[in-house]
C-alpha atoms as a PDB file:
ATOM      1  CA  UNK A   1       3.293 -34.736  17.712  1.00  0.00           C
ATOM      2  CA  UNK A   2       0.542 -33.831  15.479  1.00  0.00           C
ATOM      3  CA  UNK A   3      -0.798 -36.176  12.879  1.00  0.00           C
ATOM      4  CA  UNK A   4      -1.358 -33.371  10.241  1.00  0.00           C
ATOM      5  CA  UNK A   5      -0.216 -34.205   6.677  1.00  0.00           C
ATOM      6  CA  UNK A   6       2.851 -32.100   5.773  1.00  0.00           C
ATOM      7  CA  UNK A   7       1.385 -30.055   2.881  1.00  0.00           C
ATOM      8  CA  UNK A   8       4.104 -28.580   0.524  1.00  0.00           C
ATOM      9  CA  UNK A   9       3.372 -25.346  -1.435  1.00  0.00           C
ATOM     10  CA  UNK A  10       3.311 -25.474  -5.210  1.00  0.00           C
ATOM     11  CA  UNK A  11       5.891 -23.535  -7.195  1.00  0.00           C
ATOM     12  CA  UNK A  12       3.207 -20.928  -8.176  1.00  0.00           C
ATOM     13  CA  UNK A  13       2.428 -20.518  -4.362  1.00  0.00           C
ATOM     14  CA  UNK A  14       5.768 -20.035  -3.413  1.00  0.00           C
ATOM     15  CA  UNK A  15       6.512 -17.461  -6.226  1.00  0.00           C
ATOM     16  CA  UNK A  16       3.409 -15.580  -5.095  1.00  0.00           C
ATOM     17  CA  UNK A  17       4.420 -15.608  -1.392  1.00  0.00           C
ATOM     18  CA  UNK A  18       7.897 -14.460  -2.509  1.00  0.00           C
ATOM     19  CA  UNK A  19       6.199 -11.515  -4.452  1.00  0.00           C
ATOM     20  CA  UNK A  20       4.611 -10.264  -1.379  1.00  0.00           C
ATOM     21  CA  UNK A  21       7.224 -10.858   1.239  1.00  0.00           C
ATOM     22  CA  UNK A  22       9.611  -8.455   2.773  1.00  0.00           C
ATOM     23  CA  UNK A  23      12.646 -10.380   1.432  1.00  0.00           C
ATOM     24  CA  UNK A  24      14.175  -9.043  -1.781  1.00  0.00           C
ATOM     25  CA  UNK A  25      15.948 -11.086  -4.481  1.00  0.00           C
ATOM     26  CA  UNK A  26      19.727 -11.380  -4.633  1.00  0.00           C
ATOM     27  CA  UNK A  27      19.819  -9.008  -7.507  1.00  0.00           C
ATOM     28  CA  UNK A  28      17.723  -6.262  -5.674  1.00  0.00           C
ATOM     29  CA  UNK A  29      19.975  -6.972  -2.519  1.00  0.00           C
ATOM     30  CA  UNK A  30      23.171  -6.490  -4.540  1.00  0.00           C
ATOM     31  CA  UNK A  31      21.757  -3.327  -6.053  1.00  0.00           C
ATOM     32  CA  UNK A  32      20.761  -2.031  -2.845  1.00  0.00           C
ATOM     33  CA  UNK A  33      24.066  -2.644  -1.065  1.00  0.00           C
ATOM     34  CA  UNK A  34      26.015  -1.343  -4.073  1.00  0.00           C
ATOM     35  CA  UNK A  35      24.033   1.946  -4.271  1.00  0.00           C
ATOM     36  CA  UNK A  36      24.114   2.164  -0.420  1.00  0.00           C
ATOM     37  CA  UNK A  37      27.781   1.830  -0.432  1.00  0.00           C
ATOM     38  CA  UNK A  38      28.284   4.515  -3.117  1.00  0.00           C
ATOM     39  CA  UNK A  39      25.951   6.942  -1.398  1.00  0.00           C
ATOM     40  CA  UNK A  40      27.585   6.234   1.926  1.00  0.00           C
ATOM     41  CA  UNK A  41      30.840   6.984   0.650  1.00  0.00           C
ATOM     42  CA  UNK A  42      30.059  10.497  -0.864  1.00  0.00           C
ATOM     43  CA  UNK A  43      30.415  12.257   2.438  1.00  0.00           C
ATOM     44  CA  UNK A  44      33.982  11.189   2.572  1.00  0.00           C
ATOM     45  CA  UNK A  45      34.796  13.675   0.005  1.00  0.00           C
ATOM     46  CA  UNK A  46      32.851  16.475   1.955  1.00  0.00           C
ATOM     47  CA  UNK A  47      34.850  15.893   5.092  1.00  0.00           C
ATOM     48  CA  UNK A  48      38.152  15.299   3.121  1.00  0.00           C
ATOM     49  CA  UNK A  49      37.907  18.541   1.100  1.00  0.00           C
ATOM     50  CA  UNK A  50      35.498  20.853   3.014  1.00  0.00           C
ATOM     51  CA  UNK A  51      36.107  19.933   6.614  1.00  0.00           C
ATOM     52  CA  UNK A  52      39.765  19.388   5.983  1.00  0.00           C
ATOM     53  CA  UNK A  53      40.032  15.897   7.520  1.00  0.00           C
ATOM     54  CA  UNK A  54      43.103  14.134   6.624  1.00  0.00           C
ATOM     55  CA  UNK A  55      42.193  11.192   4.484  1.00  0.00           C
ATOM     56  CA  UNK A  56      44.974   8.765   5.532  1.00  0.00           C
ATOM     57  CA  UNK A  57      44.832   9.258   9.173  1.00  0.00           C
ATOM     58  CA  UNK A  58      41.136   8.985   9.303  1.00  0.00           C
ATOM     59  CA  UNK A  59      40.819   5.960   6.729  1.00  0.00           C
ATOM     60  CA  UNK A  60      39.670   3.512   9.373  1.00  0.00           C
ATOM     61  CA  UNK A  61      37.181   5.840  10.866  1.00  0.00           C
ATOM     62  CA  UNK A  62      35.760   6.502   7.334  1.00  0.00           C
ATOM     63  CA  UNK A  63      35.590   2.702   6.409  1.00  0.00           C
ATOM     64  CA  UNK A  64      33.703   1.889   9.664  1.00  0.00           C
ATOM     65  CA  UNK A  65      31.229   4.614   9.334  1.00  0.00           C
ATOM     66  CA  UNK A  66      30.741   3.984   5.627  1.00  0.00           C
ATOM     67  CA  UNK A  67      30.005   0.341   6.402  1.00  0.00           C
ATOM     68  CA  UNK A  68      27.553   1.007   9.146  1.00  0.00           C
ATOM     69  CA  UNK A  69      25.909   3.541   6.963  1.00  0.00           C
ATOM     70  CA  UNK A  70      25.722   1.189   4.083  1.00  0.00           C
ATOM     71  CA  UNK A  71      23.923  -1.334   6.127  1.00  0.00           C
ATOM     72  CA  UNK A  72      21.236   1.195   7.418  1.00  0.00           C
ATOM     73  CA  UNK A  73      20.812   2.866   4.119  1.00  0.00           C
ATOM     74  CA  UNK A  74      20.217  -0.538   2.360  1.00  0.00           C
ATOM     75  CA  UNK A  75      17.799  -1.541   5.130  1.00  0.00           C
ATOM     76  CA  UNK A  76      15.848   1.705   4.409  1.00  0.00           C
ATOM     77  CA  UNK A  77      15.878   0.788   0.647  1.00  0.00           C
ATOM     78  CA  UNK A  78      14.281  -2.595   1.562  1.00  0.00           C
ATOM     79  CA  UNK A  79      11.649  -1.040   3.845  1.00  0.00           C
ATOM     80  CA  UNK A  80      10.601   1.587   1.367  1.00  0.00           C
ATOM     81  CA  UNK A  81      10.338  -0.792  -1.526  1.00  0.00           C
ATOM     82  CA  UNK A  82       8.181  -3.156   0.483  1.00  0.00           C
ATOM     83  CA  UNK A  83       5.764  -0.346   1.285  1.00  0.00           C
ATOM     84  CA  UNK A  84       5.766   1.197  -2.183  1.00  0.00           C
ATOM     85  CA  UNK A  85       5.493  -2.128  -4.186  1.00  0.00           C
ATOM     86  CA  UNK A  86       1.858  -2.743  -3.176  1.00  0.00           C
ATOM     87  CA  UNK A  87       0.799   0.742  -3.814  1.00  0.00           C
ATOM     88  CA  UNK A  88       2.293   0.887  -7.139  1.00  0.00           C
ATOM     89  CA  UNK A  89       0.914  -2.558  -8.086  1.00  0.00           C
ATOM     90  CA  UNK A  90      -2.732  -1.264  -7.171  1.00  0.00           C
ATOM     91  CA  UNK A  91      -2.302   2.022  -9.148  1.00  0.00           C
ATOM     92  CA  UNK A  92      -0.685   0.499 -12.261  1.00  0.00           C
ATOM     93  CA  UNK A  93      -2.828  -2.636 -12.236  1.00  0.00           C
ATOM     94  CA  UNK A  94      -5.475  -1.402 -14.819  1.00  0.00           C
ATOM     95  CA  UNK A  95      -2.810  -0.183 -17.307  1.00  0.00           C
ATOM     96  CA  UNK A  96      -0.717  -3.414 -17.013  1.00  0.00           C
ATOM     97  CA  UNK A  97      -3.866  -5.548 -17.477  1.00  0.00           C
ATOM     98  CA  UNK A  98      -4.812  -3.710 -20.726  1.00  0.00           C
ATOM     99  CA  UNK A  99      -1.404  -3.966 -22.137  1.00  0.00           C
ATOM    100  CA  UNK A 100      -1.047  -7.682 -21.388  1.00  0.00           C
ATOM    101  CA  UNK A 101      -4.545  -8.425 -22.711  1.00  0.00           C
ATOM    102  CA  UNK A 102      -3.559  -6.606 -25.982  1.00  0.00           C
ATOM    103  CA  UNK A 103      -0.480  -8.915 -26.315  1.00  0.00           C
ATOM    104  CA  UNK A 104      -2.303 -12.077 -25.625  1.00  0.00           C
ATOM    105  CA  UNK A 105      -5.911 -11.428 -26.987  1.00  0.00           C
ATOM    106  CA  UNK A 106      -4.991 -13.157 -30.294  1.00  0.00           C
ATOM    107  CA  UNK A 107      -3.710 -16.233 -28.693  1.00  0.00           C
ATOM    108  CA  UNK A 108      -6.612 -18.711 -28.578  1.00  0.00           C
ATOM    109  CA  UNK A 109      -4.624 -21.540 -27.160  1.00  0.00           C
ATOM    110  CA  UNK A 110      -3.900 -19.778 -23.927  1.00  0.00           C
ATOM    111  CA  UNK A 111      -6.277 -20.398 -21.246  1.00  0.00           C
ATOM    112  CA  UNK A 112      -7.984 -17.726 -18.937  1.00  0.00           C
ATOM    113  CA  UNK A 113      -6.139 -18.811 -16.001  1.00  0.00           C
ATOM    114  CA  UNK A 114      -2.735 -18.627 -17.727  1.00  0.00           C
ATOM    115  CA  UNK A 115      -3.759 -14.926 -18.985  1.00  0.00           C
ATOM    116  CA  UNK A 116      -4.531 -13.953 -15.346  1.00  0.00           C
ATOM    117  CA  UNK A 117      -1.093 -15.384 -14.286  1.00  0.00           C
ATOM    118  CA  UNK A 118       0.689 -13.371 -16.896  1.00  0.00           C
ATOM    119  CA  UNK A 119      -1.193 -10.219 -15.883  1.00  0.00           C
ATOM    120  CA  UNK A 120      -0.250 -10.935 -12.301  1.00  0.00           C
ATOM    121  CA  UNK A 121       3.321 -11.502 -13.079  1.00  0.00           C
ATOM    122  CA  UNK A 122       3.655  -8.376 -15.233  1.00  0.00           C
ATOM    123  CA  UNK A 123       1.964  -6.336 -12.510  1.00  0.00           C
ATOM    124  CA  UNK A 124       4.493  -7.575  -9.886  1.00  0.00           C
ATOM    125  CA  UNK A 125       7.318  -6.928 -12.325  1.00  0.00           C
ATOM    126  CA  UNK A 126       6.348  -3.395 -13.008  1.00  0.00           C
ATOM    127  CA  UNK A 127       5.533  -2.683  -9.315  1.00  0.00           C
ATOM    128  CA  UNK A 128       8.964  -4.336  -8.269  1.00  0.00           C
ATOM    129  CA  UNK A 129      10.989  -2.082 -10.837  1.00  0.00           C
ATOM    130  CA  UNK A 130       9.344   1.132 -10.094  1.00  0.00           C
ATOM    131  CA  UNK A 131       9.405   0.540  -6.418  1.00  0.00           C
ATOM    132  CA  UNK A 132      13.126  -0.193  -6.415  1.00  0.00           C
ATOM    133  CA  UNK A 133      14.128   2.724  -8.627  1.00  0.00           C
ATOM    134  CA  UNK A 134      11.978   5.055  -6.465  1.00  0.00           C
ATOM    135  CA  UNK A 135      13.173   3.751  -3.124  1.00  0.00           C
ATOM    136  CA  UNK A 136      16.788   4.230  -4.220  1.00  0.00           C
ATOM    137  CA  UNK A 137      16.153   7.815  -5.459  1.00  0.00           C
ATOM    138  CA  UNK A 138      13.957   8.905  -2.471  1.00  0.00           C
ATOM    139  CA  UNK A 139      16.396   7.501   0.245  1.00  0.00           C
ATOM    140  CA  UNK A 140      19.548   8.900  -1.518  1.00  0.00           C
ATOM    141  CA  UNK A 141      18.065  12.266  -1.609  1.00  0.00           C
ATOM    142  CA  UNK A 142      16.952  12.325   2.002  1.00  0.00           C
ATOM    143  CA  UNK A 143      20.272  10.636   3.360  1.00  0.00           C
ATOM    144  CA  UNK A 144      22.449  13.216   1.493  1.00  0.00           C
ATOM    145  CA  UNK A 145      20.170  16.059   2.587  1.00  0.00           C
ATOM    146  CA  UNK A 146      20.486  14.971   6.297  1.00  0.00           C
ATOM    147  CA  UNK A 147      24.263  14.577   6.110  1.00  0.00           C
ATOM    148  CA  UNK A 148      24.762  18.099   4.626  1.00  0.00           C
ATOM    149  CA  UNK A 149      22.322  19.578   6.994  1.00  0.00           C
ATOM    150  CA  UNK A 150      23.709  18.009  10.089  1.00  0.00           C
ATOM    151  CA  UNK A 151      27.420  18.509   8.998  1.00  0.00           C
ATOM    152  CA  UNK A 152      27.381  22.097   7.802  1.00  0.00           C
ATOM    153  CA  UNK A 153      24.523  23.668   9.909  1.00  0.00           C
ATOM    154  CA  UNK A 154      23.951  21.657  13.065  1.00  0.00           C
ATOM    155  CA  UNK A 155      27.311  20.108  13.902  1.00  0.00           C
ATOM    156  CA  UNK A 156      29.575  22.846  12.464  1.00  0.00           C
ATOM    157  CA  UNK A 157      31.180  23.785  15.705  1.00  0.00           C
ATOM    158  CA  UNK A 158      32.431  20.332  16.569  1.00  0.00           C
ATOM    159  CA  UNK A 159      35.705  18.732  15.467  1.00  0.00           C
ATOM    160  CA  UNK A 160      35.551  17.242  11.909  1.00  0.00           C
ATOM    161  CA  UNK A 161      35.928  13.535  13.290  1.00  0.00           C
ATOM    162  CA  UNK A 162      32.973  14.134  15.821  1.00  0.00           C
ATOM    163  CA  UNK A 163      31.109  15.792  13.248  1.00  0.00           C
ATOM    164  CA  UNK A 164      31.621  13.007  10.641  1.00  0.00           C
ATOM    165  CA  UNK A 165      30.539  10.279  12.998  1.00  0.00           C
ATOM    166  CA  UNK A 166      27.454  12.091  14.234  1.00  0.00           C
ATOM    167  CA  UNK A 167      26.270  13.276  10.975  1.00  0.00           C
ATOM    168  CA  UNK A 168      26.683   9.899   9.317  1.00  0.00           C
ATOM    169  CA  UNK A 169      25.235   8.171  12.277  1.00  0.00           C
ATOM    170  CA  UNK A 170      22.292  10.460  12.655  1.00  0.00           C
ATOM    171  CA  UNK A 171      21.500  10.679   8.903  1.00  0.00           C
ATOM    172  CA  UNK A 172      21.624   6.985   8.364  1.00  0.00           C
ATOM    173  CA  UNK A 173      20.041   6.237  11.534  1.00  0.00           C
ATOM    174  CA  UNK A 174      17.034   8.579  10.975  1.00  0.00           C
ATOM    175  CA  UNK A 175      16.667   7.384   7.368  1.00  0.00           C
ATOM    176  CA  UNK A 176      16.365   3.685   8.593  1.00  0.00           C
ATOM    177  CA  UNK A 177      13.847   4.921  11.254  1.00  0.00           C
ATOM    178  CA  UNK A 178      11.786   6.801   8.913  1.00  0.00           C
ATOM    179  CA  UNK A 179      11.656   3.920   6.499  1.00  0.00           C
ATOM    180  CA  UNK A 180       9.841   1.738   8.779  1.00  0.00           C
ATOM    181  CA  UNK A 181       6.775   3.724   8.804  1.00  0.00           C
ATOM    182  CA  UNK A 182       3.761   2.113   6.884  1.00  0.00           C
ATOM    183  CA  UNK A 183       2.441   5.193   5.280  1.00  0.00           C
END
């Protein structure tokens, strides 16, 4: 065993590490899974009305593919948010700093360190919000485009059940794969 002292992180250090980690808050996770479920459910209408799949005979099939797709789309949301958050924080940093400094410039009681902490917190809040909204928009657009492209053009000659499973699987799988890139 090592005789190193067990150093605990301060609350500020834990918050800072959480801000730059890949993990998302419970609120963001619920938002991601809720949006992913809705977007993954939209193709059911396409296959029910356009491809003439019977809703009641295919309900188990629809549920299973929707849940798999929900998981993959939510994973894509998280990956894209992680990549974008740091880029947005850098781009918005100066504007956020100016805004916060205007608000706290008259407060003489506040130390310089506290002002810097407020700036950092606000930068993170702005970057988190913008990355979350853009990630949802971007991934939804790509997912729905891939589903429509696959189901209407590429897999149109297959039976509707095979078409549904392949178009949903390919669209959500490619979306999850594309989201893992770091650029």
